Amino acid sequence: MNLESLESIRAIAYIVTTILLVIFLYTYIASMYIKQKKGIVDYEKYANLALKDNLDDEIIESRESKQNK
């Protein structure tokens, strides 16, 4: 194998990896959007998690509700 063929294999691998990662990203975003629309998960309450992180703040989700599901 010469240097040119190794470079072309590397370029093709880079392009394929990039395309697969983009497909994974958009699939993940779509699944989050669908779960939010169906009401399975409410991501809005998790958005305030960084702001309300003191010990005396309101609990976002109780442990009992997770175990019963």
Protein backbone atom coordinates (compact mmCIF):
# COMPACT_ATOMS: atom_id res chain seq x y z
CA MET A 1 0.00 0.00 0.00
CA ASN A 2 1.24 3.39 -0.83
CA LEU A 3 0.73 6.64 1.03
CA GLU A 4 -2.04 7.87 -1.26
CA SER A 5 -4.23 4.82 -0.67
CA LEU A 6 -3.79 5.13 3.11
CA GLU A 7 -4.79 8.78 2.95
CA SER A 8 -7.89 7.98 0.90
CA ILE A 9 -8.89 5.20 3.32
CA ARG A 10 -8.43 7.61 6.21
CA ALA A 11 -10.52 10.27 4.48
CA ILE A 12 -13.32 7.81 3.73
CA ALA A 13 -13.28 6.56 7.34
CA TYR A 14 -13.48 10.16 8.59
CA ILE A 15 -16.45 10.95 6.34
CA VAL A 16 -18.30 7.76 7.27
CA THR A 17 -17.70 8.34 10.99
CA THR A 18 -18.90 11.93 10.72
CA ILE A 19 -22.06 10.88 8.89
CA LEU A 20 -22.81 8.18 11.46
CA LEU A 21 -22.34 10.59 14.34
CA VAL A 22 -24.62 13.17 12.70
CA ILE A 23 -27.30 10.50 12.17
CA PHE A 24 -26.96 9.43 15.82
CA LEU A 25 -27.23 13.04 17.02
CA TYR A 26 -30.36 13.83 15.00
CA THR A 27 -31.98 10.52 16.03
CA TYR A 28 -31.32 11.33 19.67
CA ILE A 29 -32.74 14.84 19.30
CA ALA A 30 -35.84 13.48 17.55
CA SER A 31 -36.41 10.86 20.26
CA MET A 32 -36.16 13.52 22.97
CA TYR A 33 -38.63 15.71 21.09
CA ILE A 34 -41.08 12.82 20.63
CA LYS A 35 -40.87 11.86 24.32
CA GLN A 36 -41.52 15.48 25.31
CA LYS A 37 -44.53 15.76 22.97
CA LYS A 38 -46.07 12.46 24.16
CA GLY A 39 -45.62 13.45 27.80
CA ILE A 40 -43.41 10.50 28.67
CA VAL A 41 -40.63 12.74 30.03
CA ASP A 42 -40.87 16.38 31.01
CA TYR A 43 -37.49 17.91 30.18
CA GLU A 44 -38.63 21.36 31.32
CA LYS A 45 -38.37 20.39 34.98
CA TYR A 46 -34.81 19.15 34.40
CA ALA A 47 -33.86 22.46 32.80
CA ASN A 48 -33.91 24.16 36.21
CA LEU A 49 -31.72 21.50 37.80
CA ALA A 50 -28.58 23.64 37.56
CA LEU A 51 -30.36 26.65 39.01
CA LYS A 52 -32.14 24.89 41.88
CA ASP A 53 -29.48 22.67 43.35
CA ASN A 54 -29.52 23.59 47.03
CA LEU A 55 -30.41 21.03 49.67
CA ASP A 56 -33.56 22.92 50.65
CA ASP A 57 -34.92 23.35 47.10
CA GLU A 58 -37.98 21.55 45.81
CA ILE A 59 -37.47 17.92 44.76
CA ILE A 60 -37.80 17.45 40.99
CA GLU A 61 -38.91 13.83 40.99
CA SER A 62 -39.51 11.55 43.96
CA ARG A 63 -37.77 8.19 44.17
CA GLU A 64 -41.02 6.29 44.74
CA SER A 65 -42.41 7.31 41.36
CA LYS A 66 -39.32 5.95 39.59
CA GLN A 67 -39.49 2.62 41.39
CA ASN A 68 -43.21 2.13 40.65
CA LYS A 69 -42.74 2.53 36.89
